[in-house]
Amino acid sequence: MSRVLSVFSLGMMTMLYGGCQRTKGALDVTAPLDGKATLDACVHVTGNFDARAPAFIVDYKSGVDPVATTSRLEMKYGFSAIHVYTALPGFAAQLTNAALSGVRCEPVVAAISHDGIATFATP
């Protein structure tokens, strides 16, 4: 059942990804506005989903107040951050597909990646 849920989640994220993509350095000419091409401001989600660590790590752009901004996004998208990072501004949280889609397109967000499990080899 867990594998089916993971595959379903991955499929939903893929569909959301197609709806809100970010182009780096290239113009999106599929949606002209007044004869001019526009850039889509959404960030890509990097990394791979790991059911042992189902959260996302969201990094803010430089100069963003991570505490106030995370609080605003929590209220707007209905999630609760697991941790707010202040040295390198951002947060960790489990996000629904709808919350992920919204957070990806926030102008203060610089990057989003899947959380993961790290192991260290002993010498």
PDB file of N, CA and C in Angstrom:
ATOM      1  N   MET A   1       0.822  -1.192   0.000  1.00  0.00           N
ATOM      2  CA  MET A   1       0.000   0.000   0.000  1.00  0.00           C
ATOM      3  C   MET A   1       0.867   1.258   0.000  1.00  0.00           C
ATOM      4  N   SER A   2       1.974   1.214   0.790  1.00  0.00           N
ATOM      5  CA  SER A   2       2.871   2.362   0.877  1.00  0.00           C
ATOM      6  C   SER A   2       3.509   2.661  -0.475  1.00  0.00           C
ATOM      7  N   ARG A   3       3.868   1.609  -1.205  1.00  0.00           N
ATOM      8  CA  ARG A   3       4.486   1.790  -2.522  1.00  0.00           C
ATOM      9  C   ARG A   3       3.474   2.416  -3.485  1.00  0.00           C
ATOM     10  N   VAL A   4       2.223   1.986  -3.432  1.00  0.00           N
ATOM     11  CA  VAL A   4       1.189   2.559  -4.296  1.00  0.00           C
ATOM     12  C   VAL A   4       1.013   4.033  -3.982  1.00  0.00           C
ATOM     13  N   LEU A   5       1.015   4.381  -2.708  1.00  0.00           N
ATOM     14  CA  LEU A   5       0.883   5.774  -2.301  1.00  0.00           C
ATOM     15  C   LEU A   5       2.075   6.596  -2.778  1.00  0.00           C
ATOM     16  N   SER A   6       3.272   6.021  -2.694  1.00  0.00           N
ATOM     17  CA  SER A   6       4.471   6.725  -3.156  1.00  0.00           C
ATOM     18  C   SER A   6       4.416   6.975  -4.655  1.00  0.00           C
ATOM     19  N   VAL A   7       3.994   5.966  -5.418  1.00  0.00           N
ATOM     20  CA  VAL A   7       3.889   6.114  -6.867  1.00  0.00           C
ATOM     21  C   VAL A   7       2.819   7.147  -7.206  1.00  0.00           C
ATOM     22  N   PHE A   8       1.687   7.118  -6.497  1.00  0.00           N
ATOM     23  CA  PHE A   8       0.633   8.098  -6.719  1.00  0.00           C
ATOM     24  C   PHE A   8       1.141   9.507  -6.426  1.00  0.00           C
ATOM     25  N   SER A   9       1.869   9.665  -5.298  1.00  0.00           N
ATOM     26  CA  SER A   9       2.409  10.977  -4.938  1.00  0.00           C
ATOM     27  C   SER A   9       3.387  11.478  -5.980  1.00  0.00           C
ATOM     28  N   LEU A  10       4.250  10.583  -6.454  1.00  0.00           N
ATOM     29  CA  LEU A  10       5.213  10.962  -7.473  1.00  0.00           C
ATOM     30  C   LEU A  10       4.492  11.400  -8.751  1.00  0.00           C
ATOM     31  N   GLY A  11       3.433  10.692  -9.125  1.00  0.00           N
ATOM     32  CA  GLY A  11       2.657  11.074 -10.308  1.00  0.00           C
ATOM     33  C   GLY A  11       2.003  12.432 -10.145  1.00  0.00           C
ATOM     34  N   MET A  12       1.470  12.694  -8.963  1.00  0.00           N
ATOM     35  CA  MET A  12       0.833  13.992  -8.713  1.00  0.00           C
ATOM     36  C   MET A  12       1.868  15.113  -8.751  1.00  0.00           C
ATOM     37  N   MET A  13       3.050  14.860  -8.202  1.00  0.00           N
ATOM     38  CA  MET A  13       4.090  15.884  -8.214  1.00  0.00           C
ATOM     39  C   MET A  13       4.563  16.155  -9.639  1.00  0.00           C
ATOM     40  N   THR A  14       4.594  15.106 -10.449  1.00  0.00           N
ATOM     41  CA  THR A  14       4.988  15.284 -11.843  1.00  0.00           C
ATOM     42  C   THR A  14       3.974  16.151 -12.574  1.00  0.00           C
ATOM     43  N   MET A  15       2.692  15.917 -12.309  1.00  0.00           N
ATOM     44  CA  MET A  15       1.660  16.740 -12.946  1.00  0.00           C
ATOM     45  C   MET A  15       1.757  18.185 -12.474  1.00  0.00           C
ATOM     46  N   LEU A  16       1.998  18.393 -11.184  1.00  0.00           N
ATOM     47  CA  LEU A  16       2.145  19.753 -10.673  1.00  0.00           C
ATOM     48  C   LEU A  16       3.375  20.411 -11.264  1.00  0.00           C
ATOM     49  N   TYR A  17       4.439  19.649 -11.422  1.00  0.00           N
ATOM     50  CA  TYR A  17       5.675  20.168 -12.001  1.00  0.00           C
ATOM     51  C   TYR A  17       5.420  20.684 -13.412  1.00  0.00           C
ATOM     52  N   GLY A  18       4.642  19.972 -14.174  1.00  0.00           N
ATOM     53  CA  GLY A  18       4.338  20.390 -15.539  1.00  0.00           C
ATOM     54  C   GLY A  18       3.518  21.669 -15.587  1.00  0.00           C
ATOM     55  N   GLY A  19       2.753  21.931 -14.529  1.00  0.00           N
ATOM     56  CA  GLY A  19       1.912  23.112 -14.509  1.00  0.00           C
ATOM     57  C   GLY A  19       2.625  24.381 -14.096  1.00  0.00           C
ATOM     58  N   CYS A  20       3.782  24.259 -13.471  1.00  0.00           N
ATOM     59  CA  CYS A  20       4.472  25.438 -12.957  1.00  0.00           C
ATOM     60  C   CYS A  20       5.965  25.198 -13.029  1.00  0.00           C
ATOM     61  N   GLN A  21       6.554  25.480 -14.165  1.00  0.00           N
ATOM     62  CA  GLN A  21       7.972  25.224 -14.360  1.00  0.00           C
ATOM     63  C   GLN A  21       8.753  26.522 -14.362  1.00  0.00           C
ATOM     64  N   ARG A  22      10.009  26.413 -14.008  1.00  0.00           N
ATOM     65  CA  ARG A  22      10.899  27.565 -14.041  1.00  0.00           C
ATOM     66  C   ARG A  22      11.903  27.341 -15.164  1.00  0.00           C
ATOM     67  N   THR A  23      12.077  28.360 -15.960  1.00  0.00           N
ATOM     68  CA  THR A  23      13.089  28.279 -17.001  1.00  0.00           C
ATOM     69  C   THR A  23      14.257  29.127 -16.570  1.00  0.00           C
ATOM     70  N   LYS A  24      15.456  28.618 -16.718  1.00  0.00           N
ATOM     71  CA  LYS A  24      16.639  29.372 -16.321  1.00  0.00           C
ATOM     72  C   LYS A  24      17.286  29.959 -17.557  1.00  0.00           C
ATOM     73  N   GLY A  25      17.210  31.261 -17.678  1.00  0.00           N
ATOM     74  CA  GLY A  25      17.891  31.942 -18.758  1.00  0.00           C
ATOM     75  C   GLY A  25      17.164  31.928 -20.087  1.00  0.00           C
ATOM     76  N   ALA A  26      16.121  31.175 -20.215  1.00  0.00           N
ATOM     77  CA  ALA A  26      15.398  31.117 -21.479  1.00  0.00           C
ATOM     78  C   ALA A  26      14.000  31.691 -21.287  1.00  0.00           C
ATOM     79  N   LEU A  27      13.447  32.238 -22.322  1.00  0.00           N
ATOM     80  CA  LEU A  27      12.111  32.800 -22.246  1.00  0.00           C
ATOM     81  C   LEU A  27      11.075  31.754 -22.591  1.00  0.00           C
ATOM     82  N   ASP A  28       9.941  31.808 -21.898  1.00  0.00           N
ATOM     83  CA  ASP A  28       8.833  30.929 -22.193  1.00  0.00           C
ATOM     84  C   ASP A  28       7.963  31.622 -23.239  1.00  0.00           C
ATOM     85  N   VAL A  29       8.113  31.232 -24.474  1.00  0.00           N
ATOM     86  CA  VAL A  29       7.385  31.904 -25.545  1.00  0.00           C
ATOM     87  C   VAL A  29       6.011  31.311 -25.764  1.00  0.00           C
ATOM     88  N   THR A  30       5.623  30.339 -24.944  1.00  0.00           N
ATOM     89  CA  THR A  30       4.300  29.730 -25.097  1.00  0.00           C
ATOM     90  C   THR A  30       3.204  30.595 -24.496  1.00  0.00           C
ATOM     91  N   ALA A  31       3.569  31.564 -23.659  1.00  0.00           N
ATOM     92  CA  ALA A  31       2.563  32.410 -23.020  1.00  0.00           C
ATOM     93  C   ALA A  31       2.904  33.884 -23.205  1.00  0.00           C
ATOM     94  N   PRO A  32       2.786  34.386 -24.435  1.00  0.00           N
ATOM     95  CA  PRO A  32       3.121  35.786 -24.638  1.00  0.00           C
ATOM     96  C   PRO A  32       2.116  36.711 -23.959  1.00  0.00           C
ATOM     97  N   LEU A  33       2.616  37.827 -23.492  1.00  0.00           N
ATOM     98  CA  LEU A  33       1.788  38.839 -22.850  1.00  0.00           C
ATOM     99  C   LEU A  33       2.063  40.142 -23.579  1.00  0.00           C
ATOM    100  N   ASP A  34       1.065  40.655 -24.289  1.00  0.00           N
ATOM    101  CA  ASP A  34       1.223  41.876 -25.079  1.00  0.00           C
ATOM    102  C   ASP A  34       2.374  41.760 -26.076  1.00  0.00           C
ATOM    103  N   GLY A  35       2.500  40.583 -26.668  1.00  0.00           N
ATOM    104  CA  GLY A  35       3.531  40.366 -27.675  1.00  0.00           C
ATOM    105  C   GLY A  35       4.904  40.107 -27.110  1.00  0.00           C
ATOM    106  N   LYS A  36       5.037  40.051 -25.767  1.00  0.00           N
ATOM    107  CA  LYS A  36       6.330  39.806 -25.137  1.00  0.00           C
ATOM    108  C   LYS A  36       6.292  38.459 -24.425  1.00  0.00           C
ATOM    109  N   ALA A  37       7.411  37.754 -24.442  1.00  0.00           N
ATOM    110  CA  ALA A  37       7.493  36.487 -23.735  1.00  0.00           C
ATOM    111  C   ALA A  37       7.702  36.756 -22.242  1.00  0.00           C
ATOM    112  N   THR A  38       7.272  35.820 -21.397  1.00  0.00           N
ATOM    113  CA  THR A  38       7.412  35.976 -19.947  1.00  0.00           C
ATOM    114  C   THR A  38       8.185  34.796 -19.366  1.00  0.00           C
ATOM    115  N   LEU A  39       8.771  35.012 -18.196  1.00  0.00           N
ATOM    116  CA  LEU A  39       9.435  33.950 -17.468  1.00  0.00           C
ATOM    117  C   LEU A  39       8.508  33.425 -16.386  1.00  0.00           C
ATOM    118  N   ASP A  40       8.505  32.121 -16.195  1.00  0.00           N
ATOM    119  CA  ASP A  40       7.751  31.513 -15.118  1.00  0.00           C
ATOM    120  C   ASP A  40       8.654  31.529 -13.890  1.00  0.00           C
ATOM    121  N   ALA A  41       8.170  32.018 -12.764  1.00  0.00           N
ATOM    122  CA  ALA A  41       9.009  32.234 -11.589  1.00  0.00           C
ATOM    123  C   ALA A  41       9.021  31.064 -10.610  1.00  0.00           C
ATOM    124  N   CYS A  42       8.521  29.911 -10.977  1.00  0.00           N
ATOM    125  CA  CYS A  42       8.486  28.765 -10.065  1.00  0.00           C
ATOM    126  C   CYS A  42       9.808  28.012 -10.080  1.00  0.00           C
ATOM    127  N   VAL A  43      10.197  27.475  -8.916  1.00  0.00           N
ATOM    128  CA  VAL A  43      11.446  26.720  -8.815  1.00  0.00           C
ATOM    129  C   VAL A  43      11.193  25.229  -9.007  1.00  0.00           C
ATOM    130  N   HIS A  44      12.217  24.529  -9.462  1.00  0.00           N
ATOM    131  CA  HIS A  44      12.156  23.072  -9.595  1.00  0.00           C
ATOM    132  C   HIS A  44      12.386  22.428  -8.239  1.00  0.00           C
ATOM    133  N   VAL A  45      11.766  21.293  -8.009  1.00  0.00           N
ATOM    134  CA  VAL A  45      12.048  20.503  -6.812  1.00  0.00           C
ATOM    135  C   VAL A  45      13.148  19.531  -7.183  1.00  0.00           C
ATOM    136  N   THR A  46      14.240  19.536  -6.421  1.00  0.00           N
ATOM    137  CA  THR A  46      15.372  18.666  -6.718  1.00  0.00           C
ATOM    138  C   THR A  46      15.426  17.493  -5.752  1.00  0.00           C
ATOM    139  N   GLY A  47      16.207  16.499  -6.098  1.00  0.00           N
ATOM    140  CA  GLY A  47      16.383  15.322  -5.256  1.00  0.00           C
ATOM    141  C   GLY A  47      15.340  14.265  -5.546  1.00  0.00           C
ATOM    142  N   ASN A  48      15.363  13.218  -4.747  1.00  0.00           N
ATOM    143  CA  ASN A  48      14.444  12.100  -4.902  1.00  0.00           C
ATOM    144  C   ASN A  48      13.648  11.885  -3.629  1.00  0.00           C
ATOM    145  N   PHE A  49      12.397  11.512  -3.792  1.00  0.00           N
ATOM    146  CA  PHE A  49      11.529  11.244  -2.650  1.00  0.00           C
ATOM    147  C   PHE A  49      12.051  10.039  -1.882  1.00  0.00           C
ATOM    148  N   ASP A  50      12.087  10.143  -0.556  1.00  0.00           N
ATOM    149  CA  ASP A  50      12.460   9.043   0.323  1.00  0.00           C
ATOM    150  C   ASP A  50      11.381   8.957   1.392  1.00  0.00           C
ATOM    151  N   ALA A  51      10.659   7.844   1.435  1.00  0.00           N
ATOM    152  CA  ALA A  51       9.549   7.694   2.379  1.00  0.00           C
ATOM    153  C   ALA A  51      10.013   7.784   3.830  1.00  0.00           C
ATOM    154  N   ARG A  52      11.302   7.523   4.089  1.00  0.00           N
ATOM    155  CA  ARG A  52      11.829   7.627   5.454  1.00  0.00           C
ATOM    156  C   ARG A  52      11.981   9.087   5.867  1.00  0.00           C
ATOM    157  N   ALA A  53      12.042   9.996   4.910  1.00  0.00           N
ATOM    158  CA  ALA A  53      12.174  11.436   5.173  1.00  0.00           C
ATOM    159  C   ALA A  53      11.289  12.175   4.179  1.00  0.00           C
ATOM    160  N   PRO A  54       9.982  12.190   4.418  1.00  0.00           N
ATOM    161  CA  PRO A  54       9.042  12.720   3.415  1.00  0.00           C
ATOM    162  C   PRO A  54       8.929  14.243   3.343  1.00  0.00           C
ATOM    163  N   ALA A  55       9.759  14.963   4.052  1.00  0.00           N
ATOM    164  CA  ALA A  55       9.663  16.428   4.071  1.00  0.00           C
ATOM    165  C   ALA A  55      10.399  17.056   2.887  1.00  0.00           C
ATOM    166  N   PHE A  56      10.262  18.359   2.783  1.00  0.00           N
ATOM    167  CA  PHE A  56      10.974  19.154   1.791  1.00  0.00           C
ATOM    168  C   PHE A  56      11.825  20.182   2.528  1.00  0.00           C
ATOM    169  N   ILE A  57      12.953  20.546   1.933  1.00  0.00           N
ATOM    170  CA  ILE A  57      13.801  21.612   2.451  1.00  0.00           C
ATOM    171  C   ILE A  57      13.620  22.797   1.502  1.00  0.00           C
ATOM    172  N   VAL A  58      13.171  23.916   2.038  1.00  0.00           N
ATOM    173  CA  VAL A  58      12.911  25.107   1.234  1.00  0.00           C
ATOM    174  C   VAL A  58      13.941  26.173   1.607  1.00  0.00           C
ATOM    175  N   ASP A  59      14.651  26.681   0.611  1.00  0.00           N
ATOM    176  CA  ASP A  59      15.643  27.736   0.824  1.00  0.00           C
ATOM    177  C   ASP A  59      15.082  29.057   0.309  1.00  0.00           C
ATOM    178  N   TYR A  60      15.252  30.100   1.127  1.00  0.00           N
ATOM    179  CA  TYR A  60      14.816  31.439   0.726  1.00  0.00           C
ATOM    180  C   TYR A  60      15.941  32.187   0.029  1.00  0.00           C
ATOM    181  N   LYS A  61      15.560  33.214  -0.694  1.00  0.00           N
ATOM    182  CA  LYS A  61      16.539  34.107  -1.299  1.00  0.00           C
ATOM    183  C   LYS A  61      17.206  34.928  -0.196  1.00  0.00           C
ATOM    184  N   SER A  62      18.363  35.467  -0.494  1.00  0.00           N
ATOM    185  CA  SER A  62      19.128  36.269   0.456  1.00  0.00           C
ATOM    186  C   SER A  62      18.309  37.475   0.920  1.00  0.00           C
ATOM    187  N   GLY A  63      18.411  37.782   2.208  1.00  0.00           N
ATOM    188  CA  GLY A  63      17.740  38.958   2.754  1.00  0.00           C
ATOM    189  C   GLY A  63      16.329  38.719   3.256  1.00  0.00           C
ATOM    190  N   VAL A  64      15.820  37.506   3.118  1.00  0.00           N
ATOM    191  CA  VAL A  64      14.458  37.189   3.563  1.00  0.00           C
ATOM    192  C   VAL A  64      14.481  36.859   5.052  1.00  0.00           C
ATOM    193  N   ASP A  65      13.512  37.376   5.798  1.00  0.00           N
ATOM    194  CA  ASP A  65      13.359  37.034   7.216  1.00  0.00           C
ATOM    195  C   ASP A  65      12.720  35.648   7.289  1.00  0.00           C
ATOM    196  N   PRO A  66      13.480  34.614   7.672  1.00  0.00           N
ATOM    197  CA  PRO A  66      12.950  33.253   7.607  1.00  0.00           C
ATOM    198  C   PRO A  66      11.816  32.985   8.590  1.00  0.00           C
ATOM    199  N   VAL A  67      11.850  33.589   9.767  1.00  0.00           N
ATOM    200  CA  VAL A  67      10.808  33.334  10.756  1.00  0.00           C
ATOM    201  C   VAL A  67       9.476  33.934  10.307  1.00  0.00           C
ATOM    202  N   ALA A  68       9.484  35.204   9.950  1.00  0.00           N
ATOM    203  CA  ALA A  68       8.247  35.873   9.527  1.00  0.00           C
ATOM    204  C   ALA A  68       7.719  35.289   8.217  1.00  0.00           C
ATOM    205  N   THR A  69       8.608  35.008   7.278  1.00  0.00           N
ATOM    206  CA  THR A  69       8.173  34.488   5.974  1.00  0.00           C
ATOM    207  C   THR A  69       7.610  33.088   6.104  1.00  0.00           C
ATOM    208  N   THR A  70       8.258  32.241   6.909  1.00  0.00           N
ATOM    209  CA  THR A  70       7.751  30.884   7.107  1.00  0.00           C
ATOM    210  C   THR A  70       6.383  30.926   7.774  1.00  0.00           C
ATOM    211  N   SER A  71       6.221  31.793   8.749  1.00  0.00           N
ATOM    212  CA  SER A  71       4.927  31.940   9.418  1.00  0.00           C
ATOM    213  C   SER A  71       3.842  32.342   8.425  1.00  0.00           C
ATOM    214  N   ARG A  72       4.169  33.279   7.541  1.00  0.00           N
ATOM    215  CA  ARG A  72       3.195  33.728   6.530  1.00  0.00           C
ATOM    216  C   ARG A  72       2.832  32.588   5.588  1.00  0.00           C
ATOM    217  N   LEU A  73       3.834  31.826   5.142  1.00  0.00           N
ATOM    218  CA  LEU A  73       3.572  30.720   4.214  1.00  0.00           C
ATOM    219  C   LEU A  73       2.799  29.583   4.891  1.00  0.00           C
ATOM    220  N   GLU A  74       3.082  29.330   6.175  1.00  0.00           N
ATOM    221  CA  GLU A  74       2.334  28.307   6.917  1.00  0.00           C
ATOM    222  C   GLU A  74       0.841  28.639   6.934  1.00  0.00           C
ATOM    223  N   MET A  75       0.540  29.889   7.198  1.00  0.00           N
ATOM    224  CA  MET A  75      -0.868  30.302   7.252  1.00  0.00           C
ATOM    225  C   MET A  75      -1.498  30.261   5.861  1.00  0.00           C
ATOM    226  N   LYS A  76      -0.755  30.694   4.862  1.00  0.00           N
ATOM    227  CA  LYS A  76      -1.283  30.760   3.499  1.00  0.00           C
ATOM    228  C   LYS A  76      -1.548  29.380   2.910  1.00  0.00           C
ATOM    229  N   TYR A  77      -0.631  28.420   3.164  1.00  0.00           N
ATOM    230  CA  TYR A  77      -0.725  27.109   2.521  1.00  0.00           C
ATOM    231  C   TYR A  77      -1.091  25.971   3.471  1.00  0.00           C
ATOM    232  N   GLY A  78      -1.314  26.267   4.731  1.00  0.00           N
ATOM    233  CA  GLY A  78      -1.821  25.268   5.671  1.00  0.00           C
ATOM    234  C   GLY A  78      -0.854  24.148   6.023  1.00  0.00           C
ATOM    235  N   PHE A  79       0.384  24.470   6.326  1.00  0.00           N
ATOM    236  CA  PHE A  79       1.333  23.459   6.780  1.00  0.00           C
ATOM    237  C   PHE A  79       2.003  23.963   8.052  1.00  0.00           C
ATOM    238  N   SER A  80       2.752  23.093   8.696  1.00  0.00           N
ATOM    239  CA  SER A  80       3.498  23.461   9.895  1.00  0.00           C
ATOM    240  C   SER A  80       4.950  23.058   9.693  1.00  0.00           C
ATOM    241  N   ALA A  81       5.848  24.014   9.762  1.00  0.00           N
ATOM    242  CA  ALA A  81       7.271  23.736   9.548  1.00  0.00           C
ATOM    243  C   ALA A  81       7.817  22.853  10.661  1.00  0.00           C
ATOM    244  N   ILE A  82       8.661  21.900  10.272  1.00  0.00           N
ATOM    245  CA  ILE A  82       9.349  21.040  11.230  1.00  0.00           C
ATOM    246  C   ILE A  82      10.487  21.828  11.869  1.00  0.00           C
ATOM    247  N   HIS A  83      11.158  22.628  11.049  1.00  0.00           N
ATOM    248  CA  HIS A  83      12.277  23.431  11.523  1.00  0.00           C
ATOM    249  C   HIS A  83      12.409  24.674  10.648  1.00  0.00           C
ATOM    250  N   VAL A  84      12.745  25.805  11.253  1.00  0.00           N
ATOM    251  CA  VAL A  84      13.028  27.039  10.511  1.00  0.00           C
ATOM    252  C   VAL A  84      14.527  27.293  10.626  1.00  0.00           C
ATOM    253  N   TYR A  85      15.185  27.445   9.486  1.00  0.00           N
ATOM    254  CA  TYR A  85      16.624  27.686   9.451  1.00  0.00           C
ATOM    255  C   TYR A  85      16.869  29.192   9.357  1.00  0.00           C
ATOM    256  N   THR A  86      17.738  29.716  10.231  1.00  0.00           N
ATOM    257  CA  THR A  86      18.002  31.152  10.223  1.00  0.00           C
ATOM    258  C   THR A  86      19.365  31.502   9.635  1.00  0.00           C
ATOM    259  N   ALA A  87      20.388  30.646   9.829  1.00  0.00           N
ATOM    260  CA  ALA A  87      21.714  30.947   9.291  1.00  0.00           C
ATOM    261  C   ALA A  87      21.676  30.964   7.766  1.00  0.00           C
ATOM    262  N   LEU A  88      21.142  29.921   7.195  1.00  0.00           N
ATOM    263  CA  LEU A  88      20.850  29.875   5.760  1.00  0.00           C
ATOM    264  C   LEU A  88      19.332  29.857   5.698  1.00  0.00           C
ATOM    265  N   PRO A  89      18.694  30.970   5.385  1.00  0.00           N
ATOM    266  CA  PRO A  89      17.249  31.109   5.577  1.00  0.00           C
ATOM    267  C   PRO A  89      16.417  30.092   4.798  1.00  0.00           C
ATOM    268  N   GLY A  90      15.495  29.472   5.525  1.00  0.00           N
ATOM    269  CA  GLY A  90      14.596  28.502   4.912  1.00  0.00           C
ATOM    270  C   GLY A  90      13.877  27.702   5.974  1.00  0.00           C
ATOM    271  N   PHE A  91      13.260  26.593   5.550  1.00  0.00           N
ATOM    272  CA  PHE A  91      12.547  25.740   6.499  1.00  0.00           C
ATOM    273  C   PHE A  91      12.451  24.322   5.953  1.00  0.00           C
ATOM    274  N   ALA A  92      12.096  23.403   6.848  1.00  0.00           N
ATOM    275  CA  ALA A  92      11.805  22.017   6.491  1.00  0.00           C
ATOM    276  C   ALA A  92      10.362  21.757   6.875  1.00  0.00           C
ATOM    277  N   ALA A  93       9.607  21.093   6.004  1.00  0.00           N
ATOM    278  CA  ALA A  93       8.211  20.784   6.297  1.00  0.00           C
ATOM    279  C   ALA A  93       7.695  19.700   5.374  1.00  0.00           C
ATOM    280  N   GLN A  94       6.712  18.965   5.867  1.00  0.00           N
ATOM    281  CA  GLN A  94       5.975  18.067   4.992  1.00  0.00           C
ATOM    282  C   GLN A  94       4.915  18.936   4.319  1.00  0.00           C
ATOM    283  N   LEU A  95       4.859  18.886   2.999  1.00  0.00           N
ATOM    284  CA  LEU A  95       3.936  19.730   2.237  1.00  0.00           C
ATOM    285  C   LEU A  95       2.988  18.867   1.423  1.00  0.00           C
ATOM    286  N   THR A  96       1.719  19.235   1.427  1.00  0.00           N
ATOM    287  CA  THR A  96       0.769  18.580   0.535  1.00  0.00           C
ATOM    288  C   THR A  96       1.104  18.998  -0.893  1.00  0.00           C
ATOM    289  N   ASN A  97       0.524  18.321  -1.855  1.00  0.00           N
ATOM    290  CA  ASN A  97       0.763  18.693  -3.255  1.00  0.00           C
ATOM    291  C   ASN A  97       0.341  20.131  -3.521  1.00  0.00           C
ATOM    292  N   ALA A  98      -0.794  20.540  -2.939  1.00  0.00           N
ATOM    293  CA  ALA A  98      -1.276  21.911  -3.142  1.00  0.00           C
ATOM    294  C   ALA A  98      -0.322  22.921  -2.504  1.00  0.00           C
ATOM    295  N   ALA A  99       0.154  22.632  -1.282  1.00  0.00           N
ATOM    296  CA  ALA A  99       1.082  23.540  -0.610  1.00  0.00           C
ATOM    297  C   ALA A  99       2.405  23.611  -1.372  1.00  0.00           C
ATOM    298  N   LEU A 100       2.896  22.458  -1.848  1.00  0.00           N
ATOM    299  CA  LEU A 100       4.142  22.438  -2.610  1.00  0.00           C
ATOM    300  C   LEU A 100       4.014  23.266  -3.875  1.00  0.00           C
ATOM    301  N   SER A 101       2.905  23.125  -4.561  1.00  0.00           N
ATOM    302  CA  SER A 101       2.679  23.889  -5.786  1.00  0.00           C
ATOM    303  C   SER A 101       2.693  25.386  -5.515  1.00  0.00           C
ATOM    304  N   GLY A 102       2.098  25.802  -4.419  1.00  0.00           N
ATOM    305  CA  GLY A 102       2.070  27.220  -4.082  1.00  0.00           C
ATOM    306  C   GLY A 102       3.421  27.745  -3.628  1.00  0.00           C
ATOM    307  N   VAL A 103       4.080  27.017  -2.738  1.00  0.00           N
ATOM    308  CA  VAL A 103       5.371  27.452  -2.211  1.00  0.00           C
ATOM    309  C   VAL A 103       6.400  27.546  -3.338  1.00  0.00           C
ATOM    310  N   ARG A 104       6.364  26.620  -4.287  1.00  0.00           N
ATOM    311  CA  ARG A 104       7.305  26.640  -5.416  1.00  0.00           C
ATOM    312  C   ARG A 104       7.246  27.941  -6.189  1.00  0.00           C
ATOM    313  N   CYS A 105       6.096  28.567  -6.207  1.00  0.00           N
ATOM    314  CA  CYS A 105       5.899  29.767  -7.021  1.00  0.00           C
ATOM    315  C   CYS A 105       5.962  31.061  -6.207  1.00  0.00           C
ATOM    316  N   GLU A 106       6.339  30.979  -4.946  1.00  0.00           N
ATOM    317  CA  GLU A 106       6.510  32.177  -4.125  1.00  0.00           C
ATOM    318  C   GLU A 106       7.793  32.891  -4.559  1.00  0.00           C
ATOM    319  N   PRO A 107       7.767  34.195  -4.731  1.00  0.00           N
ATOM    320  CA  PRO A 107       8.954  34.925  -5.200  1.00  0.00           C
ATOM    321  C   PRO A 107      10.123  34.924  -4.215  1.00  0.00           C
ATOM    322  N   VAL A 108       9.891  34.623  -2.937  1.00  0.00           N
ATOM    323  CA  VAL A 108      10.974  34.604  -1.949  1.00  0.00           C
ATOM    324  C   VAL A 108      11.731  33.274  -1.919  1.00  0.00           C
ATOM    325  N   VAL A 109      11.220  32.258  -2.616  1.00  0.00           N
ATOM    326  CA  VAL A 109      11.826  30.926  -2.588  1.00  0.00           C
ATOM    327  C   VAL A 109      12.922  30.816  -3.643  1.00  0.00           C
ATOM    328  N   ALA A 110      14.106  30.378  -3.191  1.00  0.00           N
ATOM    329  CA  ALA A 110      15.250  30.214  -4.091  1.00  0.00           C
ATOM    330  C   ALA A 110      15.376  28.776  -4.571  1.00  0.00           C
ATOM    331  N   ALA A 111      15.068  27.795  -3.706  1.00  0.00           N
ATOM    332  CA  ALA A 111      15.233  26.388  -4.061  1.00  0.00           C
ATOM    333  C   ALA A 111      14.390  25.511  -3.153  1.00  0.00           C
ATOM    334  N   ILE A 112      13.991  24.350  -3.677  1.00  0.00           N
ATOM    335  CA  ILE A 112      13.274  23.347  -2.893  1.00  0.00           C
ATOM    336  C   ILE A 112      13.878  21.993  -3.245  1.00  0.00           C
ATOM    337  N   SER A 113      14.134  21.194  -2.207  1.00  0.00           N
ATOM    338  CA  SER A 113      14.643  19.843  -2.446  1.00  0.00           C
ATOM    339  C   SER A 113      13.943  18.864  -1.513  1.00  0.00           C
ATOM    340  N   HIS A 114      13.923  17.610  -1.936  1.00  0.00           N
ATOM    341  CA  HIS A 114      13.396  16.551  -1.079  1.00  0.00           C
ATOM    342  C   HIS A 114      14.351  16.375   0.091  1.00  0.00           C
ATOM    343  N   ASP A 115      13.794  16.118   1.254  1.00  0.00           N
ATOM    344  CA  ASP A 115      14.626  15.782   2.400  1.00  0.00           C
ATOM    345  C   ASP A 115      15.182  14.382   2.163  1.00  0.00           C
ATOM    346  N   GLY A 116      16.133  13.987   2.948  1.00  0.00           N
ATOM    347  CA  GLY A 116      16.719  12.663   2.753  1.00  0.00           C
ATOM    348  C   GLY A 116      17.372  12.158   4.014  1.00  0.00           C
ATOM    349  N   ILE A 117      17.875  10.946   3.920  1.00  0.00           N
ATOM    350  CA  ILE A 117      18.580  10.294   5.016  1.00  0.00           C
ATOM    351  C   ILE A 117      20.052  10.172   4.584  1.00  0.00           C
ATOM    352  N   ALA A 118      20.933  10.626   5.433  1.00  0.00           N
ATOM    353  CA  ALA A 118      22.363  10.521   5.140  1.00  0.00           C
ATOM    354  C   ALA A 118      22.987   9.526   6.085  1.00  0.00           C
ATOM    355  N   THR A 119      23.938   8.771   5.591  1.00  0.00           N
ATOM    356  CA  THR A 119      24.695   7.852   6.430  1.00  0.00           C
ATOM    357  C   THR A 119      26.183   8.122   6.227  1.00  0.00           C
ATOM    358  N   PHE A 120      26.947   7.865   7.267  1.00  0.00           N
ATOM    359  CA  PHE A 120      28.385   8.066   7.202  1.00  0.00           C
ATOM    360  C   PHE A 120      29.064   6.714   7.319  1.00  0.00           C
ATOM    361  N   ALA A 121      30.007   6.471   6.439  1.00  0.00           N
ATOM    362  CA  ALA A 121      30.765   5.230   6.502  1.00  0.00           C
ATOM    363  C   ALA A 121      31.829   5.351   7.573  1.00  0.00           C
ATOM    364  N   THR A 122      32.016   4.320   8.323  1.00  0.00           N
ATOM    365  CA  THR A 122      33.061   4.335   9.336  1.00  0.00           C
ATOM    366  C   THR A 122      34.373   3.875   8.709  1.00  0.00           C
ATOM    367  N   PRO A 123      35.469   4.537   9.049  1.00  0.00           N
ATOM    368  CA  PRO A 123      36.754   4.171   8.435  1.00  0.00           C
ATOM    369  C   PRO A 123      37.290   2.841   8.919  1.00  0.00           C
TER     370      PRO A 123
END
